[in-house]
Protein backbone atom coordinates (compact mmCIF):
# COMPACT_ATOMS: atom_id res chain seq x y z
CA MET A 1 69.74 77.05 94.20
CA LYS A 2 70.65 80.32 92.10
CA ARG A 3 69.31 82.07 95.49
CA CYS A 4 71.77 80.67 97.67
CA ILE A 5 75.04 81.59 94.66
CA ILE A 6 74.22 84.54 94.78
CA GLY A 7 74.34 84.64 98.40
CA ALA A 8 77.20 83.29 98.02
CA ILE A 9 79.21 85.59 96.62
CA CYS A 10 77.52 88.66 97.92
CA THR A 11 79.07 87.67 101.47
CA VAL A 12 82.15 87.31 99.85
CA LEU A 13 81.97 90.44 98.52
CA MET A 14 81.98 92.31 101.73
CA ILE A 15 84.14 89.85 102.85
CA ALA A 16 86.57 91.89 100.63
CA ALA A 17 85.48 95.11 100.65
CA ALA A 18 85.64 94.83 104.35
CA HIS A 19 89.36 93.78 104.39
CA THR A 20 92.44 95.85 104.80
CA ALA A 21 94.40 92.50 102.63
CA MET A 22 94.74 92.68 99.50
CA ALA A 23 96.38 90.06 96.90
CA GLY A 24 100.10 91.48 95.64
CA VAL A 25 103.46 89.93 94.76
CA PHE A 26 106.22 89.32 96.97
CA LEU A 27 109.97 89.06 95.93
CA GLU A 28 112.86 88.34 97.89
CA GLY A 29 116.27 88.97 96.84
CA MET A 30 120.00 89.22 98.02
CA THR A 31 123.05 90.48 97.32
CA THR A 32 126.99 90.12 97.20
CA GLU A 33 129.07 91.95 97.25
CA SER A 34 132.61 91.63 95.98
CA SER A 35 133.73 92.26 99.59
CA GLY A 36 131.25 89.71 101.25
CA LYS A 37 129.15 92.00 102.78
CA GLN A 38 125.04 90.49 101.92
CA ILE A 39 122.31 93.18 101.49
CA THR A 40 118.72 91.51 101.46
CA HIS A 41 115.86 93.18 99.73
CA ASP A 42 112.16 92.14 100.04
CA MET A 43 109.63 93.82 97.73
CA TYR A 44 106.07 93.92 98.10
CA ILE A 45 103.69 94.64 95.17
CA LYS A 46 100.35 95.16 94.19
CA SER A 47 98.25 97.77 91.66
CA ASP A 48 99.43 101.27 92.62
CA ARG A 49 101.71 100.86 95.38
CA VAL A 50 105.52 99.38 95.49
CA ARG A 51 106.92 98.69 99.39
CA ILE A 52 111.18 97.57 99.21
CA ASP A 53 112.74 96.63 102.67
CA ILE A 54 116.18 96.89 102.53
CA LYS A 55 118.53 95.82 105.53
CA GLU A 56 122.40 95.34 106.38
CA LYS A 57 124.24 94.14 109.46
CA ASN A 58 122.93 97.12 111.22
CA SER A 59 120.47 98.89 109.82
CA LYS A 60 116.98 98.83 108.02
CA MET A 61 115.89 101.16 105.42
CA ILE A 62 112.07 101.55 103.89
CA MET A 63 111.02 102.46 100.69
CA ILE A 64 107.50 103.17 99.83
CA TYR A 65 105.50 103.98 96.58
CA ARG A 66 102.34 105.58 95.70
CA GLN A 67 101.05 105.90 93.49
CA ASP A 68 97.62 107.20 93.95
CA GLU A 69 98.55 110.31 95.68
CA ASP A 70 102.23 110.32 93.43
CA VAL A 71 104.53 110.21 96.79
CA PHE A 72 107.43 108.64 98.14
CA TRP A 73 109.05 107.69 101.41
CA MET A 74 112.12 106.75 102.86
CA LEU A 75 112.48 105.59 106.32
CA ASP A 76 114.97 104.51 108.20
CA GLY A 77 114.09 101.48 110.52
CA GLU A 78 116.21 101.68 113.31
CA LYS A 79 115.99 105.74 113.80
CA ARG A 80 112.37 105.41 113.78
CA LYS A 81 112.04 108.50 111.25
CA TYR A 82 110.88 109.00 107.78
CA MET A 83 110.73 112.07 105.05
CA ALA A 84 108.84 111.76 102.01
CA MET A 85 109.46 113.32 98.37
CA THR A 86 106.89 114.12 96.22
CA ARG A 87 107.66 114.52 92.21
CA GLU A 88 107.59 118.93 92.55
CA ASP A 89 110.86 118.01 95.07
CA LEU A 90 112.92 116.20 92.49
CA LYS A 91 111.93 118.27 89.50
CA GLU A 92 113.02 121.95 92.33
CA MET A 93 116.34 119.21 93.21
CA ARG A 94 117.22 118.27 89.27
CA THR A 95 116.74 122.83 88.81
CA MET A 96 118.88 123.46 91.46
CA MET A 97 121.27 121.08 90.33
CA ASP A 98 120.98 122.10 86.67
CA GLU A 99 121.76 125.99 88.51
CA ALA A 100 124.82 124.89 90.04
CA MET A 101 126.18 123.17 87.59
CA LYS A 102 126.02 126.21 85.20
CA GLN A 103 127.31 128.52 88.34
CA MET A 104 130.29 126.01 88.44
CA GLU A 105 130.65 126.90 84.61
CA GLU A 106 130.62 130.62 84.92
CA GLN A 107 133.38 130.01 87.56
CA LEU A 108 135.43 127.75 84.99
CA LYS A 109 135.26 130.53 82.66
CA ASN A 110 136.75 133.19 84.98
CA LEU A 111 139.91 130.92 86.66
CA PRO A 112 143.15 131.85 85.00
CA PRO A 113 144.39 129.15 82.33
CA GLU A 114 145.90 126.63 83.95
CA GLN A 115 144.11 126.40 86.89
CA ARG A 116 141.23 126.28 84.52
CA ALA A 117 142.41 123.25 82.82
CA MET A 118 143.11 121.79 85.87
CA MET A 119 139.73 121.75 86.35
CA GLU A 120 138.75 120.67 83.56
CA SER A 121 140.47 117.51 84.12
CA MET A 122 139.61 116.85 87.39
CA MET A 123 135.93 117.64 86.78
CA GLY A 124 135.36 116.78 82.72
CA ASP A 125 134.42 113.00 83.38
CA GLN A 126 131.40 113.93 85.84
CA MET A 127 130.49 117.06 83.68
CA SER A 128 129.74 114.73 80.52
CA GLN A 129 128.35 112.12 83.06
CA ALA A 130 126.05 115.04 83.76
CA ALA A 131 125.98 116.78 80.40
CA LYS A 132 124.83 113.05 78.57
CA GLU A 133 123.26 109.50 80.07
CA PRO A 134 125.29 106.78 79.44
CA GLU A 135 123.84 104.25 76.09
CA MET A 136 123.04 101.14 77.59
CA THR A 137 122.87 98.20 74.58
CA TYR A 138 122.08 94.44 75.76
CA LYS A 139 123.17 91.56 73.78
CA LEU A 140 121.31 88.37 73.83
CA VAL A 141 123.78 84.79 74.57
CA GLY A 142 121.77 82.48 75.70
CA LYS A 143 118.39 81.41 75.23
CA LYS A 144 116.73 78.29 78.23
CA VAL A 145 120.20 78.36 80.39
CA LYS A 146 119.36 77.18 83.77
CA VAL A 147 119.75 79.28 87.30
CA ASP A 148 118.39 77.37 90.12
CA SER A 149 114.77 76.72 89.42
CA TRP A 150 114.58 78.89 86.08
CA THR A 151 114.95 78.89 82.75
CA CYS A 152 116.46 82.19 81.47
CA ASP A 153 117.47 84.24 79.35
CA HIS A 154 120.99 85.33 79.55
CA TYR A 155 122.30 89.04 78.43
CA ILE A 156 125.20 91.34 78.95
CA GLY A 157 124.99 95.07 78.96
CA TYR A 158 127.42 97.44 77.97
CA GLU A 159 127.05 101.00 79.23
CA ASP A 160 129.28 103.32 75.78
CA GLY A 161 130.82 99.65 75.66
CA ASP A 162 131.87 98.99 78.30
CA LYS A 163 130.37 95.39 80.32
CA VAL A 164 129.06 96.40 83.31
CA ILE A 165 126.26 93.59 84.46
CA GLU A 166 124.93 90.47 83.28
CA LEU A 167 121.79 89.31 83.44
CA TRP A 168 119.49 86.24 83.95
CA THR A 169 115.77 86.85 83.00
CA VAL A 170 112.36 85.03 82.90
CA ASP A 171 109.10 86.16 81.90
CA PRO A 172 107.32 88.33 84.74
CA LYS A 173 104.45 85.65 84.76
CA ASP A 174 107.14 83.50 86.36
CA VAL A 175 108.07 85.89 89.05
CA LYS A 176 103.83 86.48 89.55
CA LEU A 177 103.77 89.70 88.06
CA ASP A 178 100.93 90.18 86.31
CA ALA A 179 100.55 93.62 84.25
CA LYS A 180 98.84 96.32 86.70
CA GLU A 181 102.30 95.26 89.34
CA PHE A 182 104.21 95.97 86.50
CA SER A 183 103.13 98.89 85.75
CA ALA A 184 102.87 100.52 89.82
CA LEU A 185 107.32 99.31 89.22
CA GLU A 186 107.56 101.00 86.55
CA SER A 187 105.64 104.15 87.82
CA LEU A 188 108.15 104.20 90.74
CA ALA A 189 111.51 104.46 88.04
CA ASP A 190 109.60 106.85 86.13
CA PHE A 191 108.75 109.42 89.19
CA PHE A 192 112.66 109.09 90.20
CA LYS A 193 113.18 109.93 86.24
CA GLU A 194 112.01 113.58 87.20
CA LEU A 195 115.47 113.75 89.34
CA ALA A 196 118.04 112.07 85.87
CA PRO A 197 117.09 109.70 83.24
CA ASP A 198 119.04 106.54 84.47
CA GLU A 199 117.96 107.91 88.23
CA GLY A 200 115.31 105.33 87.65
CA ASN A 201 116.74 102.31 86.59
CA PHE A 202 117.43 101.54 90.39
CA PHE A 203 113.64 100.79 90.65
CA GLU A 204 113.33 98.82 87.20
CA ILE A 205 113.78 95.25 88.48
CA GLY A 206 112.81 94.18 84.71
CA SER A 207 111.46 95.44 81.05
CA THR A 208 109.14 94.38 78.12
CA LYS A 209 110.46 97.12 76.22
CA MET A 210 112.20 94.76 73.84
CA SER A 211 110.14 91.16 72.30
CA LYS A 212 111.69 88.23 73.81
CA GLY A 213 115.30 87.10 72.69
CA GLU A 214 115.78 90.66 70.76
CA THR A 215 119.04 92.34 71.30
CA GLY A 216 119.35 95.98 71.81
CA PRO A 217 118.93 99.18 73.89
CA ASP A 218 116.90 97.11 76.45
CA PHE A 219 116.62 93.63 77.24
CA TYR A 220 112.94 91.24 78.03
CA GLY A 221 112.37 89.86 81.24
CA ILE A 222 112.50 89.80 84.85
CA PRO A 223 115.83 89.43 86.09
CA VAL A 224 116.59 86.48 87.96
CA LYS A 225 119.85 87.08 88.49
CA SER A 226 122.35 89.99 88.02
CA VAL A 227 126.07 90.38 87.67
CA TYR A 228 127.34 94.36 87.84
CA TYR A 229 131.17 95.16 86.72
CA ASP A 230 132.88 98.06 87.40
CA THR A 231 137.12 99.06 86.78
CA ASP A 232 138.10 95.89 88.45
CA GLY A 233 135.84 92.87 87.97
CA GLU A 234 132.33 92.13 89.57
CA SER A 235 131.54 94.03 92.37
CA ALA A 236 128.17 92.02 93.45
CA THR A 237 125.33 89.49 92.80
CA THR A 238 121.90 89.52 93.45
CA ILE A 239 119.40 86.63 93.50
CA LEU A 240 115.77 85.91 93.15
CA ARG A 241 115.27 83.72 96.05
CA LYS A 242 111.59 83.84 96.62
CA ALA A 243 108.73 85.33 94.07
CA GLU A 244 104.70 84.34 95.37
CA ARG A 245 101.77 86.00 95.71
CA GLN A 246 100.18 86.42 99.35
CA ASP A 247 97.51 88.99 100.52
CA LEU A 248 99.25 92.07 101.21
CA ASP A 249 97.78 93.73 103.98
CA ASN A 250 97.41 98.05 102.77
CA SER A 251 99.31 98.51 106.44
CA LEU A 252 102.59 97.17 104.69
CA PHE A 253 102.39 100.51 102.31
CA GLU A 254 101.89 103.33 105.51
CA ILE A 255 103.60 105.57 107.75
CA PRO A 256 104.09 103.08 110.76
CA GLU A 257 103.12 104.34 113.39
CA GLY A 258 105.79 106.05 116.11
CA PHE A 259 107.89 107.33 112.60
CA GLU A 260 109.05 111.32 113.04
CA LYS A 261 108.94 112.99 110.01
CA GLU A 262 111.73 115.23 109.61
CA SER A 263 112.30 117.05 105.86
CA LEU A 264 114.48 115.87 102.80
CA GLU A 265 117.23 117.72 104.82
CA ASP A 266 117.53 116.75 107.81
CA PHE A 267 117.30 112.97 106.89
CA GLU A 268 120.35 110.66 107.19
CA MET A 269 120.31 106.98 107.40
CA GLU A 270 122.85 105.50 109.17
């Protein structure tokens, strides 16, 4: 009996080692903008890599992050082209942005007072935003709130005191994420913070920085519903429609055949 069990275990291990499919998580979301435009975003996550497919009516963008290679690929699914971005590329871009801002400030100094005042008035908000990261605060306003089949905590997020988002969150385990997969998402967000502290926010689908139920500079959990606000009111709503564990083939996280590489300067999405 022991020999049969050992033989069965060895067989399973050999099959697993030879197979290209690996366990991971699939998340399916939908964003509806105030204009009525809808955007679907499918996310595939495994221990050290992330893929995001963003589909609109006439376009498909694919983003692949490989933590193991420290590289981010962006693909145009219609034109079948892609570009690669490394952490060093982002650092160089940040240096160029900082230099451009310094040059602009020097040019302003040389303008006549009236022109300088006009330019500073026009660009003041942009320059102040570049110099200072907005302060985010999240307030817990509800517990055990039902959103479809989810039981959520309800947060309101404020940026420098202005309401910018509402979140309904659940525990990461409720959307099938384990610690390694959540770490891959955090690594992706950290990757883009090389460009600017808030650039990684786009990829932060959740947080465990705060204890569950606390109010403070962050929130706890994975949002299953998000409502975004601008100066005109609600601008978009995002809903998590599906969360399930799947066997994800390694090819999902590779550049497909037939895609042509372009430089950062030449790559342009439709």
